[in-house]
Amino acid sequence: GASCYFKCENFQRGGALKIRGAANFLFSIPPEERHKGVVAFSSGNHAQAVSIAARHLDMKATIVMPTDAPAAKVAATRGYGGEIVTFDRLKDDREALGRRIAAETGATLAPPFDHEWIITGQGTVALEFLEEVPDLDTLLIQIGGGGLSAGCDIAAKAINPNIRVFGVEPELA
């Protein structure tokens, strides 16, 4: 007897919700710092999103991707203008490599989910959803790294403190 609504983030530019957080992050970098570029680490969706947002701002985007990242994601990231640095996920630490590149170049490090600018951008999913369906009483949020769920929980509870928010993932994830 429930009415269900879906927010199809797969229709976003880059094919995923990640553009929301990446765009908010890059637009939050002070304009006088943008010429130094941005560094991100990702196997795909965040990589594409950062590359798209960086191109829009005429920023250099260096993306740290594993050597076994899906070929389609690598091609899309390059197509959006990202410069890819590969690493072996069995031997190397992607975050440490990203931090090192950022320190050497002066670029800003854009993590995929655990930063307030990313979380704020991802929270716009809930803001839009609640504009479209204001009497929503329950929100189910996909759990990955936590940026989407954190942002949506904060935004939804600010609008409706009584809304129930649940994190979900596929059964075999």
Protein backbone atom coordinates (compact mmCIF):
# COMPACT_ATOMS: atom_id res chain seq x y z
CA GLY A 1 0.00 0.00 0.00
CA ALA A 2 2.98 2.35 -0.09
CA SER A 3 3.52 4.99 -2.75
CA CYS A 4 7.10 4.77 -4.00
CA TYR A 5 9.08 7.45 -5.82
CA PHE A 6 12.52 7.17 -7.39
CA LYS A 7 15.19 9.81 -7.98
CA CYS A 8 17.01 8.49 -11.05
CA GLU A 9 20.49 9.91 -10.58
CA ASN A 10 21.78 7.67 -13.36
CA PHE A 11 20.47 10.36 -15.74
CA GLN A 12 22.92 12.94 -14.35
CA ARG A 13 25.90 14.02 -16.46
CA GLY A 14 28.47 11.27 -16.07
CA GLY A 15 25.77 8.70 -15.34
CA ALA A 16 25.75 9.01 -11.55
CA LEU A 17 24.95 11.25 -8.60
CA LYS A 18 28.65 12.02 -8.12
CA ILE A 19 28.47 15.15 -10.28
CA ARG A 20 26.54 16.87 -7.48
CA GLY A 21 29.31 16.52 -4.91
CA ALA A 22 32.16 17.04 -7.36
CA ALA A 23 30.63 20.21 -8.81
CA ASN A 24 29.91 21.63 -5.36
CA PHE A 25 33.45 20.79 -4.26
CA LEU A 26 35.16 22.39 -7.25
CA PHE A 27 32.94 25.49 -7.19
CA SER A 28 33.80 25.83 -3.47
CA ILE A 29 37.54 26.04 -4.17
CA PRO A 30 38.45 29.73 -3.95
CA PRO A 31 38.79 31.13 -7.49
CA GLU A 32 42.36 32.24 -6.82
CA GLU A 33 43.31 28.59 -6.05
CA ARG A 34 41.64 26.93 -9.05
CA HIS A 35 44.60 27.45 -11.40
CA LYS A 36 46.51 24.88 -9.32
CA GLY A 37 44.08 22.15 -10.34
CA VAL A 38 42.39 19.31 -8.53
CA VAL A 39 43.40 15.73 -7.70
CA ALA A 40 40.90 12.95 -7.09
CA PHE A 41 41.07 9.21 -6.58
CA SER A 42 38.35 6.97 -7.97
CA SER A 43 37.66 3.88 -10.02
CA GLY A 44 35.04 5.62 -12.10
CA ASN A 45 32.03 7.76 -11.17
CA HIS A 46 33.81 10.32 -8.99
CA ALA A 47 36.65 10.41 -11.54
CA GLN A 48 34.23 11.33 -14.30
CA ALA A 49 32.38 13.86 -12.16
CA VAL A 50 35.55 15.68 -11.12
CA SER A 51 36.74 15.73 -14.73
CA ILE A 52 33.41 17.17 -15.92
CA ALA A 53 33.34 19.86 -13.23
CA ALA A 54 37.02 20.73 -13.76
CA ARG A 55 36.49 21.14 -17.50
CA HIS A 56 33.59 23.50 -16.79
CA LEU A 57 35.89 25.63 -14.59
CA ASP A 58 38.89 25.32 -16.95
CA MET A 59 40.83 23.49 -14.23
CA LYS A 60 43.35 20.70 -14.61
CA ALA A 61 42.03 17.43 -13.14
CA THR A 62 44.46 14.68 -12.20
CA ILE A 63 42.67 11.44 -11.46
CA VAL A 64 44.28 8.55 -9.58
CA MET A 65 42.70 5.34 -10.95
CA PRO A 66 43.55 1.67 -10.42
CA THR A 67 45.07 -0.19 -13.36
CA ASP A 68 42.07 -2.54 -13.33
CA ALA A 69 39.42 0.20 -13.46
CA PRO A 70 36.67 -0.54 -15.99
CA ALA A 71 37.82 0.48 -19.48
CA ALA A 72 34.60 2.42 -20.10
CA LYS A 73 35.16 4.51 -16.96
CA VAL A 74 38.79 5.20 -17.91
CA ALA A 75 37.78 6.23 -21.43
CA ALA A 76 34.98 8.46 -20.15
CA THR A 77 37.27 10.12 -17.60
CA ARG A 78 39.84 10.85 -20.31
CA GLY A 79 37.07 12.02 -22.63
CA TYR A 80 35.96 14.56 -20.02
CA GLY A 81 39.53 15.87 -19.81
CA GLY A 82 40.88 14.07 -16.75
CA GLU A 83 44.58 13.22 -16.75
CA ILE A 84 44.88 9.72 -15.32
CA VAL A 85 47.64 8.44 -13.05
CA THR A 86 47.32 4.68 -12.54
CA PHE A 87 48.21 2.57 -9.52
CA ASP A 88 48.13 -1.08 -8.49
CA ARG A 89 45.34 -1.44 -5.95
CA LEU A 90 47.02 -4.52 -4.45
CA LYS A 91 50.27 -2.67 -3.73
CA ASP A 92 49.57 1.05 -3.59
CA ASP A 93 47.47 3.37 -1.42
CA ARG A 94 45.32 5.58 -3.67
CA GLU A 95 44.72 8.19 -0.98
CA ALA A 96 48.44 8.50 -0.20
CA LEU A 97 49.23 8.80 -3.91
CA GLY A 98 46.54 11.47 -4.33
CA ARG A 99 47.83 13.41 -1.30
CA ARG A 100 51.39 13.23 -2.63
CA ILE A 101 50.40 14.55 -6.07
CA ALA A 102 48.35 17.35 -4.48
CA ALA A 103 51.27 18.31 -2.21
CA GLU A 104 53.73 18.32 -5.12
CA THR A 105 51.52 20.37 -7.44
CA GLY A 106 49.61 22.56 -5.00
CA ALA A 107 46.35 21.14 -6.35
CA THR A 108 43.31 20.64 -4.13
CA LEU A 109 42.55 17.04 -3.16
CA ALA A 110 38.88 16.15 -3.79
CA PRO A 111 37.97 12.95 -1.92
CA PRO A 112 35.04 10.90 -3.26
CA PHE A 113 32.73 11.12 -0.24
CA ASP A 114 34.20 12.20 3.09
CA HIS A 115 34.34 15.97 2.82
CA GLU A 116 31.72 18.56 3.77
CA TRP A 117 31.66 20.09 0.26
CA ILE A 118 31.02 16.64 -1.27
CA ILE A 119 28.39 15.81 1.36
CA THR A 120 26.66 19.16 0.83
CA GLY A 121 26.50 18.62 -2.93
CA GLN A 122 25.15 15.07 -2.54
CA GLY A 123 22.49 16.34 -0.14
CA THR A 124 20.85 18.23 -2.99
CA VAL A 125 19.33 14.88 -4.01
CA ALA A 126 17.10 14.98 -0.91
CA LEU A 127 16.39 18.71 -1.32
CA GLU A 128 15.10 18.15 -4.86
CA PHE A 129 13.21 15.01 -3.87
CA LEU A 130 11.41 16.80 -1.05
CA GLU A 131 10.55 19.71 -3.35
CA GLU A 132 8.92 17.21 -5.72
CA VAL A 133 7.31 15.05 -3.00
CA PRO A 134 6.93 17.31 0.07
CA ASP A 135 4.89 14.83 2.13
CA LEU A 136 7.49 12.07 1.87
CA ASP A 137 7.70 10.26 5.21
CA THR A 138 10.51 7.79 4.53
CA LEU A 139 13.69 8.12 2.50
CA LEU A 140 15.83 5.14 1.45
CA ILE A 141 19.39 6.12 0.56
CA GLN A 142 21.98 3.93 -1.13
CA ILE A 143 25.06 3.43 1.04
CA GLY A 144 28.50 3.49 -0.57
CA GLY A 145 31.21 5.70 0.85
CA GLY A 146 28.67 7.65 2.88
CA GLY A 147 28.61 11.05 1.15
CA LEU A 148 25.16 10.63 -0.38
CA SER A 149 23.61 9.17 2.75
CA ALA A 150 25.17 11.82 5.02
CA GLY A 151 24.15 14.70 2.77
CA CYS A 152 20.61 13.43 2.24
CA ASP A 153 20.09 12.70 5.93
CA ILE A 154 21.21 16.19 6.93
CA ALA A 155 19.10 17.88 4.25
CA ALA A 156 15.99 15.74 4.80
CA LYS A 157 16.02 16.14 8.58
CA ALA A 158 16.49 19.91 8.25
CA ILE A 159 13.34 20.10 6.14
CA ASN A 160 11.30 17.47 7.98
CA PRO A 161 12.66 16.39 11.39
CA ASN A 162 10.12 13.54 11.46
CA ILE A 163 11.17 11.92 8.19
CA ARG A 164 12.62 8.43 8.55
CA VAL A 165 15.89 7.89 6.70
CA PHE A 166 17.35 4.45 6.07
CA GLY A 167 20.62 3.49 4.45
CA VAL A 168 20.30 0.55 2.06
CA GLU A 169 22.57 -1.63 -0.04
CA PRO A 170 22.15 -4.72 -2.21
CA GLU A 171 21.81 -7.93 -0.19
CA LEU A 172 25.08 -9.44 -1.43
CA ALA A 173 27.12 -6.20 -1.33
